[in-house]
Every structure is written in C-alpha cells, then in structure tokens.
PDB file of N, CA and C in Angstrom:
ATOM      1  N   MET A   1     197.119  98.928  70.070  1.00  0.00           N
ATOM      2  CA  MET A   1     196.826  97.586  69.714  1.00  0.00           C
ATOM      3  C   MET A   1     196.850  96.485  70.746  1.00  0.00           C
ATOM      4  N   GLU A   2     196.038  95.871  71.423  1.00  0.00           N
ATOM      5  CA  GLU A   2     196.183  95.003  72.588  1.00  0.00           C
ATOM      6  C   GLU A   2     196.765  93.691  71.962  1.00  0.00           C
ATOM      7  N   THR A   3     197.467  93.072  72.868  1.00  0.00           N
ATOM      8  CA  THR A   3     198.088  91.661  72.518  1.00  0.00           C
ATOM      9  C   THR A   3     197.335  90.618  73.460  1.00  0.00           C
ATOM     10  N   VAL A   4     197.299  89.374  72.846  1.00  0.00           N
ATOM     11  CA  VAL A   4     196.636  88.160  73.561  1.00  0.00           C
ATOM     12  C   VAL A   4     197.484  87.004  73.447  1.00  0.00           C
ATOM     13  N   ASN A   5     197.610  86.330  74.455  1.00  0.00           N
ATOM     14  CA  ASN A   5     198.394  84.940  74.437  1.00  0.00           C
ATOM     15  C   ASN A   5     197.271  84.128  75.175  1.00  0.00           C
ATOM     16  N   LYS A   6     197.074  83.054  74.129  1.00  0.00           N
ATOM     17  CA  LYS A   6     195.932  82.131  74.676  1.00  0.00           C
ATOM     18  C   LYS A   6     196.576  80.962  75.321  1.00  0.00           C
ATOM     19  N   ILE A   7     196.494  80.547  76.539  1.00  0.00           N
ATOM     20  CA  ILE A   7     197.040  79.456  77.167  1.00  0.00           C
ATOM     21  C   ILE A   7     196.061  78.577  77.887  1.00  0.00           C
ATOM     22  N   GLU A   8     196.095  77.229  77.313  1.00  0.00           N
ATOM     23  CA  GLU A   8     195.118  76.192  77.904  1.00  0.00           C
ATOM     24  C   GLU A   8     193.705  77.051  78.436  1.00  0.00           C
ATOM     25  N   GLU A   9     193.498  77.023  79.708  1.00  0.00           N
ATOM     26  CA  GLU A   9     192.412  77.549  80.528  1.00  0.00           C
ATOM     27  C   GLU A   9     192.336  78.992  80.627  1.00  0.00           C
ATOM     28  N   LYS A  10     193.306  79.637  80.432  1.00  0.00           N
ATOM     29  CA  LYS A  10     193.626  81.021  80.819  1.00  0.00           C
ATOM     30  C   LYS A  10     194.095  81.890  79.672  1.00  0.00           C
ATOM     31  N   VAL A  11     193.725  83.266  79.545  1.00  0.00           N
ATOM     32  CA  VAL A  11     194.227  84.005  78.503  1.00  0.00           C
ATOM     33  C   VAL A  11     195.078  85.124  79.302  1.00  0.00           C
ATOM     34  N   ILE A  12     196.040  85.476  78.860  1.00  0.00           N
ATOM     35  CA  ILE A  12     196.804  86.698  78.969  1.00  0.00           C
ATOM     36  C   ILE A  12     196.464  87.811  77.810  1.00  0.00           C
ATOM     37  N   ALA A  13     195.808  88.928  78.410  1.00  0.00           N
ATOM     38  CA  ALA A  13     195.621  89.944  77.511  1.00  0.00           C
ATOM     39  C   ALA A  13     196.433  91.305  78.061  1.00  0.00           C
ATOM     40  N   VAL A  14     196.981  92.114  77.220  1.00  0.00           N
ATOM     41  CA  VAL A  14     197.334  93.347  77.391  1.00  0.00           C
ATOM     42  C   VAL A  14     196.454  94.540  77.192  1.00  0.00           C
ATOM     43  N   ILE A  15     196.146  95.111  78.410  1.00  0.00           N
ATOM     44  CA  ILE A  15     195.107  96.126  78.276  1.00  0.00           C
ATOM     45  C   ILE A  15     195.747  97.444  79.087  1.00  0.00           C
ATOM     46  N   LYS A  16     195.768  98.545  78.255  1.00  0.00           N
ATOM     47  CA  LYS A  16     196.577  99.689  78.882  1.00  0.00           C
ATOM     48  C   LYS A  16     197.897  99.521  79.272  1.00  0.00           C
ATOM     49  N   GLY A  17     198.587  98.615  78.550  1.00  0.00           N
ATOM     50  CA  GLY A  17     200.067  98.345  78.835  1.00  0.00           C
ATOM     51  C   GLY A  17     200.185  97.461  80.056  1.00  0.00           C
ATOM     52  N   LYS A  18     199.217  96.996  80.550  1.00  0.00           N
ATOM     53  CA  LYS A  18     199.231  95.782  81.772  1.00  0.00           C
ATOM     54  C   LYS A  18     198.705  94.513  81.448  1.00  0.00           C
ATOM     55  N   PRO A  19     199.558  93.403  81.475  1.00  0.00           N
ATOM     56  CA  PRO A  19     198.941  92.173  81.361  1.00  0.00           C
ATOM     57  C   PRO A  19     197.668  91.765  82.558  1.00  0.00           C
ATOM     58  N   VAL A  20     196.720  91.195  81.778  1.00  0.00           N
ATOM     59  CA  VAL A  20     195.561  90.790  82.680  1.00  0.00           C
ATOM     60  C   VAL A  20     195.316  89.198  82.271  1.00  0.00           C
ATOM     61  N   GLU A  21     195.190  88.719  83.423  1.00  0.00           N
ATOM     62  CA  GLU A  21     194.873  87.121  83.135  1.00  0.00           C
ATOM     63  C   GLU A  21     193.337  86.953  83.633  1.00  0.00           C
ATOM     64  N   ALA A  22     192.813  86.131  82.420  1.00  0.00           N
ATOM     65  CA  ALA A  22     191.475  85.843  82.641  1.00  0.00           C
ATOM     66  C   ALA A  22     191.140  84.296  82.279  1.00  0.00           C
ATOM     67  N   ASP A  23     190.057  84.179  82.493  1.00  0.00           N
ATOM     68  CA  ASP A  23     189.610  82.521  82.146  1.00  0.00           C
ATOM     69  C   ASP A  23     189.177  82.682  80.659  1.00  0.00           C
ATOM     70  N   ARG A  24     189.886  81.606  80.037  1.00  0.00           N
ATOM     71  CA  ARG A  24     189.191  81.496  78.732  1.00  0.00           C
ATOM     72  C   ARG A  24     187.793  81.100  78.250  1.00  0.00           C
ATOM     73  N   PHE A  25     187.196  80.446  79.182  1.00  0.00           N
ATOM     74  CA  PHE A  25     185.710  80.384  79.120  1.00  0.00           C
ATOM     75  C   PHE A  25     185.141  80.855  80.327  1.00  0.00           C
ATOM     76  N   ILE A  26     183.785  81.291  80.523  1.00  0.00           N
ATOM     77  CA  ILE A  26     183.125  81.683  81.426  1.00  0.00           C
ATOM     78  C   ILE A  26     181.579  81.193  81.112  1.00  0.00           C
ATOM     79  N   THR A  27     180.948  81.107  82.211  1.00  0.00           N
ATOM     80  CA  THR A  27     179.369  80.805  82.245  1.00  0.00           C
ATOM     81  C   THR A  27     178.624  81.753  82.761  1.00  0.00           C
ATOM     82  N   ASN A  28     177.664  82.292  82.252  1.00  0.00           N
ATOM     83  CA  ASN A  28     176.646  83.227  82.961  1.00  0.00           C
ATOM     84  C   ASN A  28     175.766  82.512  83.868  1.00  0.00           C
ATOM     85  N   ARG A  29     175.077  83.116  84.716  1.00  0.00           N
ATOM     86  CA  ARG A  29     173.944  82.631  85.743  1.00  0.00           C
ATOM     87  C   ARG A  29     172.913  81.682  84.974  1.00  0.00           C
ATOM     88  N   HIS A  30     172.716  81.764  83.619  1.00  0.00           N
ATOM     89  CA  HIS A  30     171.796  80.963  83.050  1.00  0.00           C
ATOM     90  C   HIS A  30     172.284  79.758  82.413  1.00  0.00           C
ATOM     91  N   GLY A  31     173.563  79.411  82.507  1.00  0.00           N
ATOM     92  CA  GLY A  31     174.408  78.319  82.103  1.00  0.00           C
ATOM     93  C   GLY A  31     175.001  78.666  80.671  1.00  0.00           C
ATOM     94  N   LYS A  32     174.787  79.460  79.920  1.00  0.00           N
ATOM     95  CA  LYS A  32     175.374  79.956  78.797  1.00  0.00           C
ATOM     96  C   LYS A  32     176.853  80.117  78.762  1.00  0.00           C
ATOM     97  N   LYS A  33     177.647  79.354  78.179  1.00  0.00           N
ATOM     98  CA  LYS A  33     178.954  79.480  77.914  1.00  0.00           C
ATOM     99  C   LYS A  33     179.521  80.432  76.949  1.00  0.00           C
ATOM    100  N   PHE A  34     180.553  81.195  77.402  1.00  0.00           N
ATOM    101  CA  PHE A  34     181.155  81.998  76.751  1.00  0.00           C
ATOM    102  C   PHE A  34     182.845  81.861  76.460  1.00  0.00           C
ATOM    103  N   GLU A  35     183.558  82.404  75.439  1.00  0.00           N
ATOM    104  CA  GLU A  35     184.983  82.101  75.155  1.00  0.00           C
ATOM    105  C   GLU A  35     185.380  83.268  75.003  1.00  0.00           C
ATOM    106  N   PHE A  36     186.701  83.528  75.342  1.00  0.00           N
ATOM    107  CA  PHE A  36     187.301  84.698  75.394  1.00  0.00           C
ATOM    108  C   PHE A  36     187.821  84.967  73.947  1.00  0.00           C
ATOM    109  N   ASP A  37     187.355  86.277  73.180  1.00  0.00           N
ATOM    110  CA  ASP A  37     187.846  86.725  71.822  1.00  0.00           C
ATOM    111  C   ASP A  37     188.867  87.697  71.503  1.00  0.00           C
ATOM    112  N   ARG A  38     188.550  88.680  72.505  1.00  0.00           N
ATOM    113  CA  ARG A  38     189.672  89.860  72.303  1.00  0.00           C
ATOM    114  C   ARG A  38     189.416  90.764  73.221  1.00  0.00           C
ATOM    115  N   ALA A  39     190.716  91.461  73.363  1.00  0.00           N
ATOM    116  CA  ALA A  39     190.630  92.963  74.148  1.00  0.00           C
ATOM    117  C   ALA A  39     189.708  93.876  73.625  1.00  0.00           C
ATOM    118  N   ALA A  40     188.932  94.565  74.208  1.00  0.00           N
ATOM    119  CA  ALA A  40     188.319  95.652  73.708  1.00  0.00           C
ATOM    120  C   ALA A  40     189.085  96.828  73.469  1.00  0.00           C
ATOM    121  N   VAL A  41     188.579  97.542  72.325  1.00  0.00           N
ATOM    122  CA  VAL A  41     189.260  98.950  72.133  1.00  0.00           C
ATOM    123  C   VAL A  41     188.848  99.913  72.984  1.00  0.00           C
ATOM    124  N   ASN A  42     189.791 100.415  73.642  1.00  0.00           N
ATOM    125  CA  ASN A  42     189.396 101.615  74.542  1.00  0.00           C
ATOM    126  C   ASN A  42     189.442 103.045  73.946  1.00  0.00           C
ATOM    127  N   THR A  43     188.441 103.583  73.991  1.00  0.00           N
ATOM    128  CA  THR A  43     188.353 104.987  73.191  1.00  0.00           C
ATOM    129  C   THR A  43     187.721 106.209  74.376  1.00  0.00           C
ATOM    130  N   ARG A  44     188.669 106.960  74.579  1.00  0.00           N
ATOM    131  CA  ARG A  44     188.392 108.184  75.467  1.00  0.00           C
ATOM    132  C   ARG A  44     188.012 107.846  76.695  1.00  0.00           C
ATOM    133  N   GLY A  45     188.441 106.827  77.169  1.00  0.00           N
ATOM    134  CA  GLY A  45     188.354 106.244  78.740  1.00  0.00           C
ATOM    135  C   GLY A  45     187.315 105.341  78.742  1.00  0.00           C
ATOM    136  N   GLY A  46     186.812 104.922  77.664  1.00  0.00           N
ATOM    137  CA  GLY A  46     185.596 104.154  77.693  1.00  0.00           C
ATOM    138  C   GLY A  46     185.689 103.036  76.680  1.00  0.00           C
ATOM    139  N   PHE A  47     184.656 102.337  76.504  1.00  0.00           N
ATOM    140  CA  PHE A  47     184.515 101.317  75.382  1.00  0.00           C
ATOM    141  C   PHE A  47     183.259 101.640  74.295  1.00  0.00           C
ATOM    142  N   CYS A  48     183.815 101.736  73.125  1.00  0.00           N
ATOM    143  CA  CYS A  48     182.528 101.898  72.196  1.00  0.00           C
ATOM    144  C   CYS A  48     181.917 100.610  71.940  1.00  0.00           C
ATOM    145  N   LEU A  49     180.475 100.633  72.154  1.00  0.00           N
ATOM    146  CA  LEU A  49     179.829  99.137  72.059  1.00  0.00           C
ATOM    147  C   LEU A  49     179.558  99.122  70.589  1.00  0.00           C
ATOM    148  N   ASP A  50     180.054  99.831  69.779  1.00  0.00           N
ATOM    149  CA  ASP A  50     179.756  99.398  68.149  1.00  0.00           C
ATOM    150  C   ASP A  50     180.680  98.367  67.795  1.00  0.00           C
ATOM    151  N   GLN A  51     181.789  98.075  68.667  1.00  0.00           N
ATOM    152  CA  GLN A  51     182.886  97.149  68.404  1.00  0.00           C
ATOM    153  C   GLN A  51     182.196  95.556  68.730  1.00  0.00           C
ATOM    154  N   MET A  52     181.123  95.574  69.297  1.00  0.00           N
ATOM    155  CA  MET A  52     180.354  94.497  69.936  1.00  0.00           C
ATOM    156  C   MET A  52     179.356  93.810  68.896  1.00  0.00           C
ATOM    157  N   ARG A  53     179.530  92.390  68.774  1.00  0.00           N
ATOM    158  CA  ARG A  53     178.491  91.661  68.037  1.00  0.00           C
ATOM    159  C   ARG A  53     177.099  91.421  69.011  1.00  0.00           C
ATOM    160  N   ASP A  54     176.017  90.677  68.529  1.00  0.00           N
ATOM    161  CA  ASP A  54     175.170  90.525  69.431  1.00  0.00           C
ATOM    162  C   ASP A  54     175.385  89.352  70.223  1.00  0.00           C
ATOM    163  N   ASP A  55     176.210  88.437  69.903  1.00  0.00           N
ATOM    164  CA  ASP A  55     176.665  87.466  70.509  1.00  0.00           C
ATOM    165  C   ASP A  55     177.921  87.504  71.712  1.00  0.00           C
ATOM    166  N   GLU A  56     177.958  88.762  71.882  1.00  0.00           N
ATOM    167  CA  GLU A  56     179.440  88.726  72.890  1.00  0.00           C
ATOM    168  C   GLU A  56     178.895  89.638  74.024  1.00  0.00           C
ATOM    169  N   VAL A  57     179.691  89.667  75.087  1.00  0.00           N
ATOM    170  CA  VAL A  57     179.590  90.527  76.236  1.00  0.00           C
ATOM    171  C   VAL A  57     180.836  90.919  76.605  1.00  0.00           C
ATOM    172  N   ILE A  58     181.021  91.801  77.257  1.00  0.00           N
ATOM    173  CA  ILE A  58     182.492  92.615  77.747  1.00  0.00           C
ATOM    174  C   ILE A  58     182.508  92.646  79.244  1.00  0.00           C
ATOM    175  N   ILE A  59     183.500  92.289  79.668  1.00  0.00           N
ATOM    176  CA  ILE A  59     183.642  92.015  81.099  1.00  0.00           C
ATOM    177  C   ILE A  59     184.914  93.069  81.594  1.00  0.00           C
ATOM    178  N   ALA A  60     184.884  93.576  82.764  1.00  0.00           N
ATOM    179  CA  ALA A  60     185.885  94.458  83.179  1.00  0.00           C
ATOM    180  C   ALA A  60     187.211  93.632  83.414  1.00  0.00           C
ATOM    181  N   PRO A  61     188.344  94.133  82.775  1.00  0.00           N
ATOM    182  CA  PRO A  61     188.615  95.478  82.547  1.00  0.00           C
ATOM    183  C   PRO A  61     188.563  95.709  81.225  1.00  0.00           C
ATOM    184  N   GLY A  62     187.806  95.021  80.235  1.00  0.00           N
ATOM    185  CA  GLY A  62     187.664  95.168  78.930  1.00  0.00           C
ATOM    186  C   GLY A  62     188.024  94.001  77.980  1.00  0.00           C
ATOM    187  N   LEU A  63     187.495  92.743  78.488  1.00  0.00           N
ATOM    188  CA  LEU A  63     187.760  91.727  77.835  1.00  0.00           C
ATOM    189  C   LEU A  63     186.339  91.154  77.225  1.00  0.00           C
ATOM    190  N   ILE A  64     186.405  90.983  75.973  1.00  0.00           N
ATOM    191  CA  ILE A  64     185.216  90.456  75.231  1.00  0.00           C
ATOM    192  C   ILE A  64     185.270  89.013  75.107  1.00  0.00           C
ATOM    193  N   TYR A  65     183.972  88.500  75.343  1.00  0.00           N
ATOM    194  CA  TYR A  65     183.785  86.922  75.414  1.00  0.00           C
ATOM    195  C   TYR A  65     182.674  86.714  74.338  1.00  0.00           C
ATOM    196  N   ARG A  66     182.626  85.799  73.741  1.00  0.00           N
ATOM    197  CA  ARG A  66     181.482  85.497  72.375  1.00  0.00           C
ATOM    198  C   ARG A  66     180.888  84.067  72.793  1.00  0.00           C
ATOM    199  N   ALA A  67     179.782  84.115  72.880  1.00  0.00           N
ATOM    200  CA  ALA A  67     178.942  83.053  72.962  1.00  0.00           C
ATOM    201  C   ALA A  67     179.299  81.663  72.357  1.00  0.00           C
ATOM    202  N   VAL A  68     179.435  80.546  72.908  1.00  0.00           N
ATOM    203  CA  VAL A  68     179.938  79.294  72.314  1.00  0.00           C
ATOM    204  C   VAL A  68     178.505  78.422  71.683  1.00  0.00           C
ATOM    205  N   LYS A  69     178.862  78.267  70.381  1.00  0.00           N
ATOM    206  CA  LYS A  69     177.622  77.593  69.977  1.00  0.00           C
ATOM    207  C   LYS A  69     177.529  76.005  70.202  1.00  0.00           C
ATOM    208  N   GLU A  70     176.437  75.865  70.463  1.00  0.00           N
ATOM    209  CA  GLU A  70     176.317  74.403  71.006  1.00  0.00           C
ATOM    210  C   GLU A  70     175.969  73.479  69.651  1.00  0.00           C
ATOM    211  N   ALA A  71     176.762  72.380  69.572  1.00  0.00           N
ATOM    212  CA  ALA A  71     176.649  71.582  68.507  1.00  0.00           C
ATOM    213  C   ALA A  71     175.388  70.518  68.535  1.00  0.00           C
TER     214      ALA A  71
END
C-alpha cells in the first residue's frame, strides 16, 4: 500500500518505499487540468491499466491524476 500526504500545491507519495514529490495539479498541452488522486498499484514491474478510470492519466513514476471537472 502506498501512502500519500497532500500538502498545498505539492503531494508526497511513497512509491516503492521512496517518497516522491509531485505537483498537486497539472495541465496538459490542450489546457485540460488534472488533480493528483493516488499512487498507482505496481504489479510485476509495471502498472495494470485496469485500475484506471476513463478520466485519469498516469505519470511516471506511477502517479495517477484525475481530470478536474469544470463548474
């Protein structure tokens, strides 16, 4: 189980026993905004994409971001 500590504009996730600092929000090249959701579950040296929803992206080293819904 990976742990996550959400701090202001950064997140600290523990992946493979090491802390990883990442942005809480990212924006893709089309201007779509994503918010950090969780660390991906690592299986056999990779990541099973079955854990992903349609509105999520995975960024190395295993951070899952979910699309921010515009109000």
